[in-house]
Amino acid sequence: MEPRDRRRALLRAAATGDGQAAGQAAGAFEEIAAQAATALAPPKPRHEVVVLIEGLDRASLGALQYATELHPLSITALHVAVDPDRARWLAQLWAKVRIPIPLEVVDCPDRNLLASTERDIHERIRDDTELTVLVPRRRFARRRHQLLLHDRTSAGLVRVLGDLNNVNVTIVPFQLGRSPHTLPPAEPEATAG
């Protein structure tokens, strides 16, 4: 029986008046109370956001916009550079477009994106800081264009970074190949005649 199911059974038995179960339920209750206190503790005094950037596209811009809506203390765009020429090009484009969020480029000579990203994020962790990592995910309107490699990389990042203390990983989905959602045209107002 899973711990969660065991706790539920104990709490039910205690509610029906079973004396032995009541003692065990008290222990389960204390365990739940301790978990709730930790999970609902006041937030850390600092909140920083790192947006993982593959390129400068609508998905990345959407993730950067979402980062600003979180109102963190700082936002950093992070590009893990597998290709140094592409990284230079991205840095030049970033400066030319004048994106107000700093772009940091991390060298990845062994082409291991997961390990390089984990190392960089691990260096940013501090006890007084909650770190949110945003991973833009591109979805394609036509399934055959879905990038399986990109999906595996983002799933791997969530798995690896999600295990780090004080780190929250959020996938920011973006649908490619569809026109942006627009509001329906407003109906003309009726005039009193």
N, C-alpha and C. Protein backbone atom coordinates (compact mmCIF):
# COMPACT_ATOMS: atom_id res chain seq x y z
N MET A 1 0.85 -1.18 0.00
CA MET A 1 0.00 0.00 0.00
C MET A 1 0.89 1.24 0.00
N GLU A 2 0.58 2.20 -0.84
CA GLU A 2 1.35 3.44 -0.92
C GLU A 2 1.16 4.25 0.34
N PRO A 3 2.17 5.06 0.71
CA PRO A 3 2.07 5.87 1.94
C PRO A 3 0.83 6.75 1.97
N ARG A 4 0.48 7.35 0.84
CA ARG A 4 -0.69 8.22 0.80
C ARG A 4 -1.96 7.42 1.10
N ASP A 5 -2.08 6.24 0.50
CA ASP A 5 -3.26 5.39 0.74
C ASP A 5 -3.30 4.91 2.18
N ARG A 6 -2.12 4.59 2.75
CA ARG A 6 -2.04 4.14 4.13
C ARG A 6 -2.51 5.25 5.07
N ARG A 7 -2.07 6.48 4.82
CA ARG A 7 -2.49 7.61 5.65
C ARG A 7 -4.00 7.79 5.60
N ARG A 8 -4.57 7.70 4.41
CA ARG A 8 -6.03 7.85 4.27
C ARG A 8 -6.77 6.79 5.06
N ALA A 9 -6.30 5.55 4.97
CA ALA A 9 -6.96 4.45 5.69
C ALA A 9 -6.87 4.68 7.19
N LEU A 10 -5.71 5.12 7.68
CA LEU A 10 -5.54 5.37 9.11
C LEU A 10 -6.45 6.51 9.58
N LEU A 11 -6.52 7.57 8.79
CA LEU A 11 -7.38 8.69 9.18
C LEU A 11 -8.85 8.28 9.20
N ARG A 12 -9.29 7.43 8.26
CA ARG A 12 -10.66 6.94 8.26
C ARG A 12 -10.93 6.06 9.47
N ALA A 13 -9.96 5.18 9.79
CA ALA A 13 -10.14 4.29 10.95
C ALA A 13 -10.20 5.09 12.24
N ALA A 14 -9.40 6.13 12.36
CA ALA A 14 -9.43 6.97 13.56
C ALA A 14 -10.76 7.68 13.69
N ALA A 15 -11.34 8.08 12.57
CA ALA A 15 -12.62 8.78 12.60
C ALA A 15 -13.74 7.86 13.06
N THR A 16 -13.61 6.55 12.84
CA THR A 16 -14.64 5.60 13.27
C THR A 16 -14.45 5.16 14.71
N GLY A 17 -13.36 5.58 15.37
CA GLY A 17 -13.18 5.29 16.79
C GLY A 17 -12.30 4.11 17.10
N ASP A 18 -11.60 3.55 16.16
CA ASP A 18 -10.68 2.44 16.42
C ASP A 18 -9.48 2.99 17.20
N GLY A 19 -9.28 2.55 18.43
CA GLY A 19 -8.24 3.09 19.32
C GLY A 19 -6.84 2.93 18.78
N GLN A 20 -6.50 1.73 18.30
CA GLN A 20 -5.15 1.50 17.78
C GLN A 20 -4.92 2.34 16.53
N ALA A 21 -5.91 2.38 15.68
CA ALA A 21 -5.81 3.17 14.45
C ALA A 21 -5.71 4.65 14.77
N ALA A 22 -6.35 5.07 15.88
CA ALA A 22 -6.31 6.48 16.27
C ALA A 22 -4.88 6.91 16.56
N GLY A 23 -4.13 6.07 17.25
CA GLY A 23 -2.72 6.39 17.54
C GLY A 23 -1.90 6.46 16.28
N GLN A 24 -2.12 5.50 15.38
CA GLN A 24 -1.39 5.52 14.11
C GLN A 24 -1.82 6.71 13.26
N ALA A 25 -3.11 7.04 13.32
CA ALA A 25 -3.62 8.17 12.55
C ALA A 25 -3.02 9.48 13.05
N ALA A 26 -2.80 9.58 14.35
CA ALA A 26 -2.18 10.79 14.89
C ALA A 26 -0.78 10.97 14.30
N GLY A 27 -0.05 9.87 14.16
CA GLY A 27 1.27 9.94 13.53
C GLY A 27 1.18 10.35 12.07
N ALA A 28 0.18 9.79 11.38
CA ALA A 28 -0.02 10.16 9.97
C ALA A 28 -0.41 11.63 9.86
N PHE A 29 -1.27 12.09 10.81
CA PHE A 29 -1.69 13.48 10.81
C PHE A 29 -0.49 14.40 11.01
N GLU A 30 0.39 14.06 11.95
CA GLU A 30 1.59 14.87 12.21
C GLU A 30 2.49 14.91 10.98
N GLU A 31 2.59 13.79 10.28
CA GLU A 31 3.39 13.73 9.06
C GLU A 31 2.83 14.66 7.99
N ILE A 32 1.49 14.62 7.82
CA ILE A 32 0.84 15.49 6.84
C ILE A 32 1.01 16.96 7.24
N ALA A 33 0.85 17.25 8.54
CA ALA A 33 1.00 18.62 9.02
C ALA A 33 2.43 19.13 8.77
N ALA A 34 3.43 18.28 8.98
CA ALA A 34 4.82 18.69 8.74
C ALA A 34 5.05 18.95 7.25
N GLN A 35 4.49 18.10 6.40
CA GLN A 35 4.64 18.30 4.96
C GLN A 35 3.94 19.59 4.51
N ALA A 36 2.77 19.86 5.07
CA ALA A 36 2.03 21.07 4.71
C ALA A 36 2.79 22.31 5.15
N ALA A 37 3.36 22.26 6.35
CA ALA A 37 4.11 23.42 6.85
C ALA A 37 5.30 23.72 5.94
N THR A 38 5.97 22.69 5.47
CA THR A 38 7.11 22.90 4.58
C THR A 38 6.65 23.41 3.22
N ALA A 39 5.62 22.78 2.68
CA ALA A 39 5.15 23.16 1.35
C ALA A 39 4.54 24.55 1.31
N LEU A 40 3.92 24.97 2.40
CA LEU A 40 3.23 26.25 2.41
C LEU A 40 3.99 27.32 3.20
N ALA A 41 5.27 27.08 3.42
CA ALA A 41 6.09 28.05 4.14
C ALA A 41 6.17 29.35 3.33
N PRO A 42 6.43 30.47 4.01
CA PRO A 42 6.56 31.73 3.28
C PRO A 42 7.62 31.60 2.19
N PRO A 43 7.45 32.33 1.09
CA PRO A 43 8.42 32.22 -0.01
C PRO A 43 9.79 32.74 0.40
N LYS A 44 10.77 32.30 -0.34
CA LYS A 44 12.14 32.77 -0.12
C LYS A 44 12.17 34.28 -0.37
N PRO A 45 13.11 34.99 0.25
CA PRO A 45 13.15 36.45 0.06
C PRO A 45 13.54 36.87 -1.35
N ARG A 46 14.17 35.99 -2.10
CA ARG A 46 14.61 36.33 -3.45
C ARG A 46 13.97 35.35 -4.45
N HIS A 47 13.58 35.87 -5.61
CA HIS A 47 13.07 35.02 -6.69
C HIS A 47 13.77 35.45 -7.97
N GLU A 48 14.44 34.51 -8.59
CA GLU A 48 15.13 34.77 -9.85
C GLU A 48 14.61 33.80 -10.90
N VAL A 49 14.62 34.25 -12.16
CA VAL A 49 14.13 33.44 -13.26
C VAL A 49 15.22 33.29 -14.31
N VAL A 50 15.40 32.07 -14.77
CA VAL A 50 16.31 31.77 -15.88
C VAL A 50 15.46 31.20 -17.00
N VAL A 51 15.55 31.81 -18.18
CA VAL A 51 14.82 31.33 -19.36
C VAL A 51 15.83 30.66 -20.29
N LEU A 52 15.63 29.38 -20.56
CA LEU A 52 16.53 28.67 -21.46
C LEU A 52 16.20 29.06 -22.89
N ILE A 53 17.21 29.53 -23.62
CA ILE A 53 17.02 30.07 -24.97
C ILE A 53 17.79 29.23 -25.97
N GLU A 54 17.07 28.71 -26.95
CA GLU A 54 17.71 27.98 -28.04
C GLU A 54 18.01 28.94 -29.19
N GLY A 55 17.09 29.83 -29.45
CA GLY A 55 17.22 30.82 -30.50
C GLY A 55 16.27 31.96 -30.19
N LEU A 56 16.26 32.94 -31.06
CA LEU A 56 15.36 34.08 -30.85
C LEU A 56 14.15 33.89 -31.76
N ASP A 57 13.11 33.28 -31.21
CA ASP A 57 11.90 33.01 -31.97
C ASP A 57 10.69 33.36 -31.10
N ARG A 58 9.49 33.13 -31.62
CA ARG A 58 8.28 33.50 -30.88
C ARG A 58 8.12 32.69 -29.60
N ALA A 59 8.56 31.44 -29.60
CA ALA A 59 8.46 30.63 -28.39
C ALA A 59 9.36 31.21 -27.29
N SER A 60 10.57 31.59 -27.65
CA SER A 60 11.48 32.18 -26.67
C SER A 60 10.97 33.53 -26.18
N LEU A 61 10.46 34.33 -27.11
CA LEU A 61 9.91 35.63 -26.71
C LEU A 61 8.71 35.47 -25.78
N GLY A 62 7.89 34.46 -26.04
CA GLY A 62 6.75 34.18 -25.16
C GLY A 62 7.21 33.79 -23.76
N ALA A 63 8.26 32.98 -23.68
CA ALA A 63 8.80 32.58 -22.37
C ALA A 63 9.41 33.78 -21.65
N LEU A 64 10.08 34.67 -22.39
CA LEU A 64 10.64 35.88 -21.78
C LEU A 64 9.53 36.79 -21.27
N GLN A 65 8.44 36.89 -22.04
CA GLN A 65 7.31 37.69 -21.59
C GLN A 65 6.72 37.11 -20.32
N TYR A 66 6.56 35.81 -20.28
CA TYR A 66 6.02 35.15 -19.09
C TYR A 66 6.95 35.39 -17.89
N ALA A 67 8.25 35.37 -18.11
CA ALA A 67 9.21 35.62 -17.04
C ALA A 67 8.99 37.00 -16.43
N THR A 68 8.75 38.01 -17.27
CA THR A 68 8.52 39.36 -16.74
C THR A 68 7.24 39.43 -15.93
N GLU A 69 6.24 38.62 -16.29
CA GLU A 69 4.97 38.63 -15.57
C GLU A 69 5.09 38.01 -14.18
N LEU A 70 6.16 37.26 -13.93
CA LEU A 70 6.39 36.67 -12.61
C LEU A 70 6.96 37.69 -11.62
N HIS A 71 7.41 38.84 -12.12
CA HIS A 71 7.98 39.92 -11.31
C HIS A 71 9.12 39.44 -10.41
N PRO A 72 10.10 38.74 -10.97
CA PRO A 72 11.22 38.28 -10.13
C PRO A 72 12.20 39.42 -9.86
N LEU A 73 13.14 39.13 -8.99
CA LEU A 73 14.21 40.08 -8.70
C LEU A 73 15.11 40.24 -9.93
N SER A 74 15.35 39.14 -10.63
CA SER A 74 16.16 39.22 -11.86
C SER A 74 15.71 38.16 -12.85
N ILE A 75 15.94 38.45 -14.13
CA ILE A 75 15.66 37.52 -15.22
C ILE A 75 16.94 37.40 -16.04
N THR A 76 17.30 36.17 -16.35
CA THR A 76 18.46 35.91 -17.19
C THR A 76 18.05 34.96 -18.31
N ALA A 77 18.43 35.28 -19.53
CA ALA A 77 18.24 34.35 -20.65
C ALA A 77 19.54 33.55 -20.74
N LEU A 78 19.41 32.24 -20.82
CA LEU A 78 20.58 31.36 -20.84
C LEU A 78 20.60 30.53 -22.11
N HIS A 79 21.69 30.66 -22.86
CA HIS A 79 21.88 29.86 -24.07
C HIS A 79 23.04 28.91 -23.82
N VAL A 80 22.79 27.62 -23.92
CA VAL A 80 23.85 26.62 -23.78
C VAL A 80 24.38 26.36 -25.18
N ALA A 81 25.63 26.77 -25.40
CA ALA A 81 26.20 26.83 -26.75
C ALA A 81 26.86 25.52 -27.15
N VAL A 82 26.16 24.78 -28.00
CA VAL A 82 26.73 23.59 -28.60
C VAL A 82 27.56 23.99 -29.82
N ASP A 83 27.10 25.02 -30.52
CA ASP A 83 27.77 25.53 -31.72
C ASP A 83 28.23 26.97 -31.44
N PRO A 84 29.53 27.21 -31.30
CA PRO A 84 30.03 28.55 -30.98
C PRO A 84 29.64 29.62 -32.01
N ASP A 85 29.60 29.25 -33.29
CA ASP A 85 29.22 30.22 -34.34
C ASP A 85 27.76 30.64 -34.17
N ARG A 86 26.89 29.69 -33.90
CA ARG A 86 25.47 30.01 -33.68
C ARG A 86 25.31 30.85 -32.42
N ALA A 87 26.10 30.57 -31.40
CA ALA A 87 26.03 31.35 -30.15
C ALA A 87 26.45 32.80 -30.40
N ARG A 88 27.50 33.00 -31.19
CA ARG A 88 27.94 34.37 -31.54
C ARG A 88 26.85 35.09 -32.32
N TRP A 89 26.26 34.38 -33.28
CA TRP A 89 25.19 34.96 -34.08
C TRP A 89 24.00 35.35 -33.20
N LEU A 90 23.63 34.48 -32.25
CA LEU A 90 22.51 34.76 -31.35
C LEU A 90 22.83 35.98 -30.47
N ALA A 91 24.04 36.07 -29.96
CA ALA A 91 24.43 37.21 -29.11
C ALA A 91 24.37 38.52 -29.91
N GLN A 92 24.81 38.49 -31.16
CA GLN A 92 24.76 39.68 -32.00
C GLN A 92 23.31 40.07 -32.30
N LEU A 93 22.48 39.09 -32.61
CA LEU A 93 21.06 39.35 -32.87
C LEU A 93 20.38 39.90 -31.62
N TRP A 94 20.71 39.32 -30.47
CA TRP A 94 20.14 39.76 -29.19
C TRP A 94 20.44 41.24 -28.96
N ALA A 95 21.69 41.63 -29.20
CA ALA A 95 22.09 43.03 -29.02
C ALA A 95 21.42 43.93 -30.05
N LYS A 96 21.33 43.45 -31.29
CA LYS A 96 20.74 44.25 -32.35
C LYS A 96 19.26 44.51 -32.10
N VAL A 97 18.54 43.50 -31.61
CA VAL A 97 17.11 43.64 -31.34
C VAL A 97 16.89 44.42 -30.04
N ARG A 98 17.92 44.54 -29.25
CA ARG A 98 17.89 45.28 -27.96
C ARG A 98 16.91 44.67 -26.96
N ILE A 99 17.03 43.38 -26.76
CA ILE A 99 16.22 42.71 -25.75
C ILE A 99 16.73 43.17 -24.39
N PRO A 100 15.84 43.68 -23.52
CA PRO A 100 16.29 44.25 -22.25
C PRO A 100 16.66 43.22 -21.17
N ILE A 101 16.66 41.97 -21.51
CA ILE A 101 17.02 40.90 -20.57
C ILE A 101 18.41 40.40 -20.96
N PRO A 102 19.32 40.32 -19.99
CA PRO A 102 20.68 39.89 -20.34
C PRO A 102 20.71 38.44 -20.84
N LEU A 103 21.53 38.23 -21.86
CA LEU A 103 21.75 36.89 -22.42
C LEU A 103 23.10 36.40 -21.94
N GLU A 104 23.11 35.24 -21.30
CA GLU A 104 24.35 34.59 -20.90
C GLU A 104 24.54 33.37 -21.78
N VAL A 105 25.76 33.20 -22.28
CA VAL A 105 26.07 32.05 -23.12
C VAL A 105 27.04 31.15 -22.35
N VAL A 106 26.65 29.89 -22.21
CA VAL A 106 27.47 28.90 -21.51
C VAL A 106 28.02 27.94 -22.55
N ASP A 107 29.31 27.74 -22.53
CA ASP A 107 29.96 26.84 -23.47
C ASP A 107 29.61 25.38 -23.13
N CYS A 108 29.36 24.61 -24.16
CA CYS A 108 29.02 23.19 -24.00
C CYS A 108 29.88 22.37 -24.96
N PRO A 109 31.19 22.27 -24.66
CA PRO A 109 32.10 21.62 -25.61
C PRO A 109 31.82 20.13 -25.81
N ASP A 110 31.26 19.46 -24.80
CA ASP A 110 31.00 18.03 -24.94
C ASP A 110 29.64 17.73 -25.55
N ARG A 111 28.89 18.78 -25.90
CA ARG A 111 27.57 18.68 -26.53
C ARG A 111 26.54 18.00 -25.63
N ASN A 112 26.79 17.98 -24.32
CA ASN A 112 25.85 17.40 -23.37
C ASN A 112 25.03 18.53 -22.75
N LEU A 113 23.92 18.87 -23.41
CA LEU A 113 23.07 19.97 -22.98
C LEU A 113 22.58 19.82 -21.54
N LEU A 114 22.15 18.61 -21.20
CA LEU A 114 21.59 18.39 -19.87
C LEU A 114 22.64 18.65 -18.78
N ALA A 115 23.82 18.08 -18.95
CA ALA A 115 24.87 18.24 -17.93
C ALA A 115 25.32 19.70 -17.82
N SER A 116 25.51 20.36 -18.96
CA SER A 116 25.95 21.77 -18.94
C SER A 116 24.90 22.67 -18.30
N THR A 117 23.63 22.44 -18.63
CA THR A 117 22.56 23.24 -18.05
C THR A 117 22.45 22.98 -16.56
N GLU A 118 22.53 21.72 -16.16
CA GLU A 118 22.45 21.39 -14.74
C GLU A 118 23.59 22.04 -13.96
N ARG A 119 24.80 22.02 -14.51
CA ARG A 119 25.95 22.66 -13.85
C ARG A 119 25.71 24.14 -13.64
N ASP A 120 25.24 24.81 -14.70
CA ASP A 120 25.02 26.25 -14.61
C ASP A 120 23.92 26.58 -13.59
N ILE A 121 22.82 25.87 -13.64
CA ILE A 121 21.72 26.13 -12.72
C ILE A 121 22.16 25.82 -11.29
N HIS A 122 22.90 24.75 -11.11
CA HIS A 122 23.38 24.38 -9.78
C HIS A 122 24.24 25.49 -9.17
N GLU A 123 25.03 26.17 -9.99
CA GLU A 123 25.88 27.27 -9.51
C GLU A 123 25.05 28.48 -9.07
N ARG A 124 23.83 28.59 -9.56
CA ARG A 124 22.96 29.73 -9.22
C ARG A 124 22.15 29.51 -7.94
N ILE A 125 22.12 28.29 -7.44
CA ILE A 125 21.29 27.97 -6.28
C ILE A 125 21.88 28.58 -5.01
N ARG A 126 21.00 29.26 -4.26
CA ARG A 126 21.36 29.80 -2.95
C ARG A 126 20.22 29.50 -1.98
N ASP A 127 20.53 29.41 -0.71
CA ASP A 127 19.50 29.08 0.28
C ASP A 127 18.38 30.11 0.35
N ASP A 128 18.69 31.38 0.10
CA ASP A 128 17.68 32.43 0.24
C ASP A 128 16.96 32.76 -1.06
N THR A 129 17.16 31.93 -2.09
CA THR A 129 16.62 32.25 -3.42
C THR A 129 15.80 31.10 -3.97
N GLU A 130 14.62 31.44 -4.48
CA GLU A 130 13.80 30.50 -5.24
C GLU A 130 14.13 30.74 -6.70
N LEU A 131 14.53 29.72 -7.41
CA LEU A 131 14.95 29.85 -8.80
C LEU A 131 13.92 29.16 -9.69
N THR A 132 13.37 29.92 -10.64
CA THR A 132 12.43 29.35 -11.60
C THR A 132 13.14 29.25 -12.94
N VAL A 133 13.11 28.07 -13.53
CA VAL A 133 13.70 27.85 -14.84
C VAL A 133 12.55 27.64 -15.83
N LEU A 134 12.50 28.50 -16.84
CA LEU A 134 11.46 28.40 -17.87
C LEU A 134 12.04 27.74 -19.11
N VAL A 135 11.35 26.73 -19.60
CA VAL A 135 11.79 25.99 -20.78
C VAL A 135 10.74 26.19 -21.87
N PRO A 136 11.06 26.99 -22.90
CA PRO A 136 10.10 27.15 -24.00
C PRO A 136 9.95 25.82 -24.75
N ARG A 137 8.71 25.42 -24.99
CA ARG A 137 8.48 24.19 -25.76
C ARG A 137 7.69 24.56 -27.00
N ARG A 138 8.23 24.17 -28.12
CA ARG A 138 7.59 24.44 -29.40
C ARG A 138 6.72 23.26 -29.78
N ARG A 139 5.47 23.53 -30.05
CA ARG A 139 4.54 22.52 -30.56
C ARG A 139 4.18 22.92 -31.98
N PHE A 140 4.02 21.94 -32.81
CA PHE A 140 3.72 22.23 -34.21
C PHE A 140 2.28 21.82 -34.51
N ALA A 141 1.63 22.62 -35.34
CA ALA A 141 0.24 22.35 -35.69
C ALA A 141 0.11 21.00 -36.38
N ARG A 142 1.09 20.66 -37.18
CA ARG A 142 1.09 19.36 -37.85
C ARG A 142 2.00 18.43 -37.09
N ARG A 143 1.47 17.33 -36.66
CA ARG A 143 2.19 16.38 -35.81
C ARG A 143 3.48 15.88 -36.45
N ARG A 144 3.51 15.73 -37.76
CA ARG A 144 4.70 15.15 -38.40
C ARG A 144 5.91 16.08 -38.28
N HIS A 145 5.67 17.35 -37.98
CA HIS A 145 6.79 18.28 -37.84
C HIS A 145 7.29 18.37 -36.40
N GLN A 146 6.68 17.61 -35.49
CA GLN A 146 7.09 17.67 -34.09
C GLN A 146 8.55 17.23 -33.96
N LEU A 147 9.31 18.00 -33.22
CA LEU A 147 10.71 17.66 -33.03
C LEU A 147 10.84 16.73 -31.83
N LEU A 148 11.01 15.46 -32.08
CA LEU A 148 11.12 14.49 -31.02
C LEU A 148 12.34 14.77 -30.15
N LEU A 149 13.45 15.15 -30.79
CA LEU A 149 14.67 15.44 -30.04
C LEU A 149 14.42 16.59 -29.07
N HIS A 150 13.75 17.65 -29.51
CA HIS A 150 13.48 18.79 -28.64
C HIS A 150 12.61 18.37 -27.45
N ASP A 151 11.59 17.55 -27.71
CA ASP A 151 10.72 17.08 -26.62
C ASP A 151 11.49 16.25 -25.61
N ARG A 152 12.38 15.40 -26.09
CA ARG A 152 13.18 14.58 -25.17
C ARG A 152 14.12 15.45 -24.36
N THR A 153 14.68 16.49 -24.99
CA THR A 153 15.59 17.38 -24.27
C THR A 153 14.83 18.14 -23.19
N SER A 154 13.66 18.69 -23.51
CA SER A 154 12.92 19.44 -22.50
C SER A 154 12.44 18.52 -21.39
N ALA A 155 12.04 17.30 -21.71
CA ALA A 155 11.63 16.34 -20.66
C ALA A 155 12.83 15.98 -19.78
N GLY A 156 13.99 15.83 -20.39
CA GLY A 156 15.20 15.55 -19.61
C GLY A 156 15.57 16.70 -18.70
N LEU A 157 15.41 17.92 -19.20
CA LEU A 157 15.71 19.10 -18.38
C LEU A 157 14.77 19.16 -17.17
N VAL A 158 13.50 18.90 -17.39
CA VAL A 158 12.54 18.91 -16.29
C VAL A 158 12.93 17.86 -15.26
N ARG A 159 13.29 16.69 -15.72
CA ARG A 159 13.65 15.59 -14.82
C ARG A 159 14.91 15.93 -14.02
N VAL A 160 15.95 16.43 -14.69
CA VAL A 160 17.22 16.71 -14.03
C VAL A 160 17.14 17.93 -13.12
N LEU A 161 16.57 19.03 -13.62
CA LEU A 161 16.53 20.27 -12.85
C LEU A 161 15.46 20.23 -11.76
N GLY A 162 14.41 19.46 -11.98
CA GLY A 162 13.33 19.36 -11.00
C GLY A 162 13.76 18.72 -9.70
N ASP A 163 14.86 17.98 -9.70
CA ASP A 163 15.36 17.34 -8.49
C ASP A 163 16.24 18.26 -7.65
N LEU A 164 16.56 19.44 -8.17
CA LEU A 164 17.43 20.36 -7.42
C LEU A 164 16.61 21.14 -6.39
N ASN A 165 17.19 21.37 -5.22
CA ASN A 165 16.51 22.14 -4.18
C ASN A 165 16.35 23.60 -4.60
N ASN A 166 15.24 24.20 -4.23
CA ASN A 166 14.93 25.61 -4.50
C ASN A 166 14.82 25.93 -5.98
N VAL A 167 14.60 24.92 -6.82
CA VAL A 167 14.47 25.12 -8.26
C VAL A 167 13.10 24.63 -8.71
N ASN A 168 12.38 25.50 -9.41
CA ASN A 168 11.09 25.15 -10.02
C ASN A 168 11.28 25.20 -11.52
N VAL A 169 10.84 24.17 -12.20
CA VAL A 169 10.97 24.12 -13.66
C VAL A 169 9.57 24.19 -14.26
N THR A 170 9.41 25.11 -15.20
CA THR A 170 8.12 25.29 -15.86
C THR A 170 8.31 25.24 -17.37
N ILE A 171 7.53 24.42 -18.03
CA ILE A 171 7.54 24.38 -19.50
C ILE A 171 6.53 25.42 -19.97
N VAL A 172 6.98 26.28 -20.87
CA VAL A 172 6.11 27.31 -21.43
C VAL A 172 5.79 26.88 -22.87
N PRO A 173 4.57 26.36 -23.09
CA PRO A 173 4.23 25.84 -24.42
C PRO A 173 3.96 26.96 -25.41
N PHE A 174 4.30 26.70 -26.66
CA PHE A 174 4.00 27.65 -27.73
C PHE A 174 3.65 26.85 -28.97
N GLN A 175 2.49 27.14 -29.56
CA GLN A 175 2.01 26.43 -30.73
C GLN A 175 2.50 27.12 -32.00
N LEU A 176 3.30 26.42 -32.79
CA LEU A 176 3.79 26.96 -34.06
C LEU A 176 2.93 26.43 -35.20
N GLY A 177 2.81 27.22 -36.24
CA GLY A 177 2.08 26.78 -37.42
C GLY A 177 0.61 27.12 -37.40
N ARG A 178 0.18 27.86 -36.40
CA ARG A 178 -1.20 28.32 -36.32
C ARG A 178 -1.20 29.81 -36.20
N SER A 179 -2.25 30.42 -36.69
CA SER A 179 -2.32 31.87 -36.54
C SER A 179 -2.61 32.18 -35.08
N PRO A 180 -2.11 33.31 -34.58
CA PRO A 180 -2.35 33.66 -33.19
C PRO A 180 -3.85 33.82 -32.94
N HIS A 181 -4.25 33.50 -31.71
CA HIS A 181 -5.66 33.65 -31.35
C HIS A 181 -6.03 35.12 -31.38
N THR A 182 -7.17 35.41 -32.00
CA THR A 182 -7.64 36.78 -32.03
C THR A 182 -9.06 36.81 -31.49
N LEU A 183 -9.43 37.93 -30.96
CA LEU A 183 -10.78 38.09 -30.46
C LEU A 183 -11.73 38.23 -31.64
N PRO A 184 -12.96 37.72 -31.50
CA PRO A 184 -13.92 37.90 -32.59
C PRO A 184 -14.24 39.38 -32.73
N PRO A 185 -14.62 39.79 -33.93
CA PRO A 185 -14.93 41.21 -34.12
C PRO A 185 -16.08 41.61 -33.22
N ALA A 186 -15.98 42.81 -32.69
CA ALA A 186 -17.04 43.31 -31.81
C ALA A 186 -18.28 43.62 -32.63
N GLU A 187 -19.45 43.34 -32.03
CA GLU A 187 -20.69 43.63 -32.72
C GLU A 187 -20.94 45.12 -32.63
N PRO A 188 -21.48 45.72 -33.69
CA PRO A 188 -21.75 47.16 -33.62
C PRO A 188 -22.81 47.43 -32.56
N GLU A 189 -22.59 48.53 -31.86
CA GLU A 189 -23.54 48.90 -30.82
C GLU A 189 -24.85 49.37 -31.45
N ALA A 190 -25.93 48.98 -30.81
CA ALA A 190 -27.25 49.43 -31.30
C ALA A 190 -27.45 50.88 -30.88
N THR A 191 -27.92 51.67 -31.76
CA THR A 191 -28.15 53.08 -31.44
C THR A 191 -29.62 53.28 -31.14
N ALA A 192 -29.85 54.08 -30.15
CA ALA A 192 -31.25 54.39 -29.79
C ALA A 192 -31.81 55.34 -30.84
N GLY A 193 -32.94 55.02 -31.38
CA GLY A 193 -33.43 55.80 -32.48
C GLY A 193 -34.55 56.58 -32.15
